[in-house]
């Protein structure tokens, strides 16, 4: 009996505590306004992504594509935005393309084609929240490397500036390259001296040739004598004394 009474008292105490807790929760909910329980909406200007979307109409110049033998399906148009990632567009057979759902702001536009080089373009799309007095959906485009050059945006016209060279062209063998080659010049000089040298010596008078040989011998003798004298002197100086 004492144990059953103790258990009953604990159960009643727990029930009283639960009732008091529920009362406090009810009083707190009644004192809190209904509007405070709802999450506060973030202003549109503070949001990372805007809801307004615009289309950018463009066209790729077909003359450069025909010269480089590039098909329009091989051209890739990519608009890189800050908060919405990359938006790609396909080029139709007539060169036209449409970039769908472009957000407002300044973006980078790139055109890629194998064999051609397109300059990067910076595109500005005006929205409803822009401070400038420009209608929403207005598009401005300039070259990223030279902002002073503006592009026509009705439609946006993209023109390739040069052909892309991916490999260095092989050098052609010409007569001039052979003549200017140092090894080729040495070979021809050796052949010339072997063929013309004996004829030059045969055309010289024998007496003059003999005089020239004697002159060369006379000039080489003092040099050889001085060399031998210096060699003997060094040998005598290095010999050990007894």
Protein backbone atom coordinates (compact mmCIF):
# COMPACT_ATOMS: atom_id res chain seq x y z
CA UNK A 1 0.00 0.00 0.00
CA UNK A 2 2.70 2.61 0.76
CA UNK A 3 4.32 1.92 -2.62
CA UNK A 4 1.03 2.34 -4.54
CA UNK A 5 0.32 5.62 -2.79
CA UNK A 6 3.77 6.95 -3.70
CA UNK A 7 3.24 6.00 -7.35
CA UNK A 8 -0.13 7.76 -7.39
CA UNK A 9 1.36 10.95 -5.94
CA UNK A 10 4.10 11.01 -8.63
CA UNK A 11 1.53 10.58 -11.40
CA UNK A 12 -0.57 13.47 -10.05
CA UNK A 13 2.54 15.68 -9.78
CA UNK A 14 3.56 14.96 -13.39
CA UNK A 15 0.06 15.73 -14.62
CA UNK A 16 0.07 19.07 -12.78
CA UNK A 17 3.43 20.04 -14.30
CA UNK A 18 2.22 19.15 -17.80
CA UNK A 19 -0.95 21.21 -17.30
CA UNK A 20 1.09 24.23 -16.11
CA UNK A 21 3.43 23.95 -19.16
CA UNK A 22 0.49 23.81 -21.57
CA UNK A 23 -1.02 26.86 -19.87
CA UNK A 24 2.17 28.87 -20.33
CA UNK A 25 2.37 27.88 -24.02
CA UNK A 26 -1.24 28.89 -24.59
CA UNK A 27 -0.73 32.25 -22.89
CA UNK A 28 2.40 32.94 -25.01
CA UNK A 29 0.62 32.12 -28.26
CA UNK A 30 -2.28 34.35 -27.33
CA UNK A 31 0.04 37.28 -26.57
CA UNK A 32 1.98 36.91 -29.88
CA UNK A 33 0.40 38.67 -32.90
CA UNK A 34 -0.57 36.48 -35.83
CA UNK A 35 1.62 38.48 -38.21
CA UNK A 36 4.73 37.77 -36.16
CA UNK A 37 4.40 34.03 -36.81
CA UNK A 38 4.71 34.51 -40.58
CA UNK A 39 8.19 34.75 -42.21
CA UNK A 40 9.11 38.22 -43.36
CA UNK A 41 9.30 38.47 -47.13
CA UNK A 42 12.69 39.54 -48.53
CA UNK A 43 12.60 42.57 -50.82
CA UNK A 44 13.02 41.88 -54.52
CA UNK A 45 16.14 44.03 -54.69
CA UNK A 46 17.83 41.84 -52.06
CA UNK A 47 16.96 38.59 -53.81
CA UNK A 48 19.73 36.74 -55.57
CA UNK A 49 17.66 35.88 -58.63
CA UNK A 50 15.17 38.17 -60.33
CA UNK A 51 11.93 36.97 -61.85
CA UNK A 52 11.96 39.24 -64.92
CA UNK A 53 13.23 37.57 -68.09
CA UNK A 54 13.92 38.96 -71.55
CA UNK A 55 14.82 37.57 -74.97
CA UNK A 56 17.92 38.59 -76.93
CA UNK A 57 17.56 38.28 -80.70
CA UNK A 58 20.79 37.96 -82.71
CA UNK A 59 22.28 36.87 -86.00
CA UNK A 60 25.67 35.46 -87.02
CA UNK A 61 27.29 36.76 -90.20
CA UNK A 62 27.16 33.95 -92.76
CA UNK A 63 29.89 35.32 -95.06
CA UNK A 64 32.70 34.35 -92.72
CA UNK A 65 31.11 30.95 -92.12
CA UNK A 66 31.04 30.19 -95.83
CA UNK A 67 34.68 31.22 -96.28
CA UNK A 68 35.80 28.96 -93.40
CA UNK A 69 33.39 26.17 -94.46
CA UNK A 70 31.69 26.21 -91.04
CA UNK A 71 28.05 25.17 -90.66
CA UNK A 72 25.68 27.17 -88.49
CA UNK A 73 24.98 24.12 -86.31
CA UNK A 74 28.65 24.13 -85.28
CA UNK A 75 28.40 27.64 -83.79
CA UNK A 76 27.74 27.83 -80.04
CA UNK A 77 26.26 30.97 -78.45
CA UNK A 78 26.68 31.25 -74.65
CA UNK A 79 25.45 34.02 -72.34
CA UNK A 80 27.25 33.94 -68.97
CA UNK A 81 25.30 35.63 -66.16
CA UNK A 82 26.27 36.34 -62.55
CA UNK A 83 23.41 34.67 -60.67
CA UNK A 84 21.73 32.48 -63.27
CA UNK A 85 24.61 30.50 -64.71
CA UNK A 86 25.04 30.03 -68.45
CA UNK A 87 22.31 30.30 -71.07
CA UNK A 88 23.00 28.70 -74.45
CA UNK A 89 21.33 29.24 -77.80
CA UNK A 90 21.39 27.34 -81.08
CA UNK A 91 22.04 29.03 -84.41
CA UNK A 92 19.51 28.44 -87.19
CA UNK A 93 20.38 27.88 -90.85
CA UNK A 94 19.84 31.54 -91.68
CA UNK A 95 22.27 32.57 -88.89
CA UNK A 96 19.63 33.80 -86.45
CA UNK A 97 19.50 32.82 -82.77
CA UNK A 98 17.45 33.73 -79.70
CA UNK A 99 18.69 33.71 -76.11
CA UNK A 100 15.62 32.95 -74.01
CA UNK A 101 14.94 34.11 -70.44
CA UNK A 102 17.92 36.43 -70.06
CA UNK A 103 17.83 38.29 -66.71
CA UNK A 104 18.49 41.99 -66.35
CA UNK A 105 22.06 43.11 -65.74
CA UNK A 106 25.41 42.99 -67.49
CA UNK A 107 26.45 39.66 -68.97
CA UNK A 108 29.21 38.17 -71.15
CA UNK A 109 28.31 36.80 -74.57
CA UNK A 110 30.64 34.37 -76.35
CA UNK A 111 30.38 32.77 -79.79
CA UNK A 112 32.49 29.68 -80.44
CA UNK A 113 33.11 28.03 -83.80
CA UNK A 114 35.89 25.73 -84.92
CA UNK A 115 38.08 27.62 -87.38
CA UNK A 116 36.80 31.12 -86.56
CA UNK A 117 37.47 33.70 -83.86
CA UNK A 118 34.63 35.84 -82.49
CA UNK A 119 35.45 38.75 -80.17
CA UNK A 120 33.84 38.59 -76.70
CA UNK A 121 30.82 40.85 -76.24
CA UNK A 122 29.47 42.53 -73.09
CA UNK A 123 25.65 42.74 -73.09
CA UNK A 124 23.56 45.00 -70.85
CA UNK A 125 19.89 44.08 -70.36
CA UNK A 126 17.75 46.75 -68.68
CA UNK A 127 14.99 45.68 -66.29
CA UNK A 128 12.13 47.28 -64.38
CA UNK A 129 14.25 47.86 -61.27
CA UNK A 130 17.01 49.83 -63.07
CA UNK A 131 17.45 53.44 -62.04
CA UNK A 132 18.09 54.66 -65.59
CA UNK A 133 15.11 55.98 -67.54
CA UNK A 134 15.40 53.18 -70.09
CA UNK A 135 12.48 50.92 -71.06
CA UNK A 136 12.61 47.42 -69.67
CA UNK A 137 13.97 44.91 -72.13
CA UNK A 138 16.31 47.38 -73.85
CA UNK A 139 19.59 45.74 -74.84
CA UNK A 140 23.00 47.38 -75.30
CA UNK A 141 26.11 45.55 -76.50
CA UNK A 142 29.77 46.56 -76.79
CA UNK A 143 32.99 44.69 -77.40
CA UNK A 144 34.54 43.50 -74.13
CA UNK A 145 38.03 44.46 -75.30
CA UNK A 146 36.99 47.90 -76.56
CA UNK A 147 33.90 49.40 -74.92
CA UNK A 148 33.94 52.36 -77.33
CA UNK A 149 32.73 50.10 -80.17
CA UNK A 150 29.00 49.45 -79.89
CA UNK A 151 27.11 46.72 -81.73
CA UNK A 152 23.75 46.83 -83.40
CA UNK A 153 21.25 45.05 -81.17
CA UNK A 154 18.21 44.94 -83.47
CA UNK A 155 19.16 42.16 -83.92
CA UNK A 156 22.51 41.62 -82.19
CA UNK A 157 24.97 40.99 -85.02
CA UNK A 158 28.04 38.82 -84.43
CA UNK A 159 30.86 38.85 -87.00
CA UNK A 160 33.99 36.69 -86.96
CA UNK A 161 37.16 38.78 -87.03
CA UNK A 162 39.71 36.17 -88.14
CA UNK A 163 40.34 32.52 -88.85
CA UNK A 164 41.68 30.44 -86.00
CA UNK A 165 45.06 28.76 -86.59
CA UNK A 166 45.46 25.73 -84.34
CA UNK A 167 48.68 24.36 -85.90
CA UNK A 168 51.83 26.06 -87.13
CA UNK A 169 52.09 25.74 -90.93
CA UNK A 170 54.98 23.62 -92.17
CA UNK A 171 57.90 25.47 -93.75
CA UNK A 172 58.20 25.07 -97.53
CA UNK A 173 61.49 24.12 -99.14
CA UNK A 174 62.52 26.82 -101.63
CA UNK A 175 65.69 27.67 -103.51
CA UNK A 176 66.26 30.67 -101.28
CA UNK A 177 65.96 28.58 -98.10
CA UNK A 178 68.54 26.15 -99.48
CA UNK A 179 70.96 28.91 -100.47
CA UNK A 180 70.66 30.64 -97.09
CA UNK A 181 71.23 27.41 -95.17
CA UNK A 182 74.71 27.55 -93.49
CA UNK A 183 75.40 23.85 -94.11
CA UNK A 184 74.54 24.27 -97.77
CA UNK A 185 76.90 27.26 -98.04
CA UNK A 186 79.78 25.30 -96.44
CA UNK A 187 79.31 22.42 -98.87
CA UNK A 188 79.25 24.70 -101.88
CA UNK A 189 82.30 26.62 -100.63
CA UNK A 190 84.26 23.36 -100.23
CA UNK A 191 83.31 22.26 -103.75
CA UNK A 192 84.26 25.68 -105.11
CA UNK A 193 87.69 25.65 -103.47
CA UNK A 194 88.36 22.05 -104.54
CA UNK A 195 87.55 22.88 -108.16
CA UNK A 196 88.82 26.45 -108.49
CA UNK A 197 91.82 26.30 -106.08
CA UNK A 198 94.10 24.18 -108.32
CA UNK A 199 93.29 26.35 -111.32
CA UNK A 200 94.24 29.47 -109.39
CA UNK A 201 97.58 27.92 -108.35
CA UNK A 202 98.24 26.77 -111.93
CA UNK A 203 97.66 30.26 -113.25
CA UNK A 204 100.34 31.78 -110.98
CA UNK A 205 103.89 32.21 -112.38
CA UNK A 206 106.24 29.52 -110.94
CA UNK A 207 108.85 32.09 -109.93
CA UNK A 208 106.24 34.19 -108.08
CA UNK A 209 104.88 31.03 -106.42
CA UNK A 210 108.39 30.08 -105.27
CA UNK A 211 108.98 33.59 -103.91
CA UNK A 212 105.70 33.42 -102.01
CA UNK A 213 106.65 30.04 -100.49
CA UNK A 214 110.06 31.38 -99.42
CA UNK A 215 108.40 34.43 -97.85
CA UNK A 216 106.04 32.24 -95.90
CA UNK A 217 108.94 30.01 -94.76
CA UNK A 218 110.98 33.05 -93.66
CA UNK A 219 108.07 34.44 -91.62
CA UNK A 220 107.36 31.11 -89.93
CA UNK A 221 111.02 30.49 -88.92
CA UNK A 222 111.31 33.30 -86.27
CA UNK A 223 108.08 32.21 -84.68
CA UNK A 224 109.21 28.56 -84.49
CA UNK A 225 112.69 29.59 -83.19
CA UNK A 226 111.21 31.72 -80.43
CA UNK A 227 108.84 28.94 -79.48
CA UNK A 228 111.64 26.39 -79.25
CA UNK A 229 113.80 28.82 -77.22
CA UNK A 230 111.04 29.43 -74.73
CA UNK A 231 110.40 25.71 -74.44
CA UNK A 232 114.07 24.95 -73.75
CA UNK A 233 114.30 27.75 -71.19
CA UNK A 234 111.30 26.45 -69.30
CA UNK A 235 112.73 22.94 -69.39
CA UNK A 236 116.09 24.08 -68.01
CA UNK A 237 114.40 26.10 -65.25
CA UNK A 238 112.30 23.12 -64.15
CA UNK A 239 115.30 20.70 -64.11
CA UNK A 240 116.56 19.91 -60.55
CA UNK A 241 119.90 21.38 -59.52
CA UNK A 242 122.72 19.06 -58.36
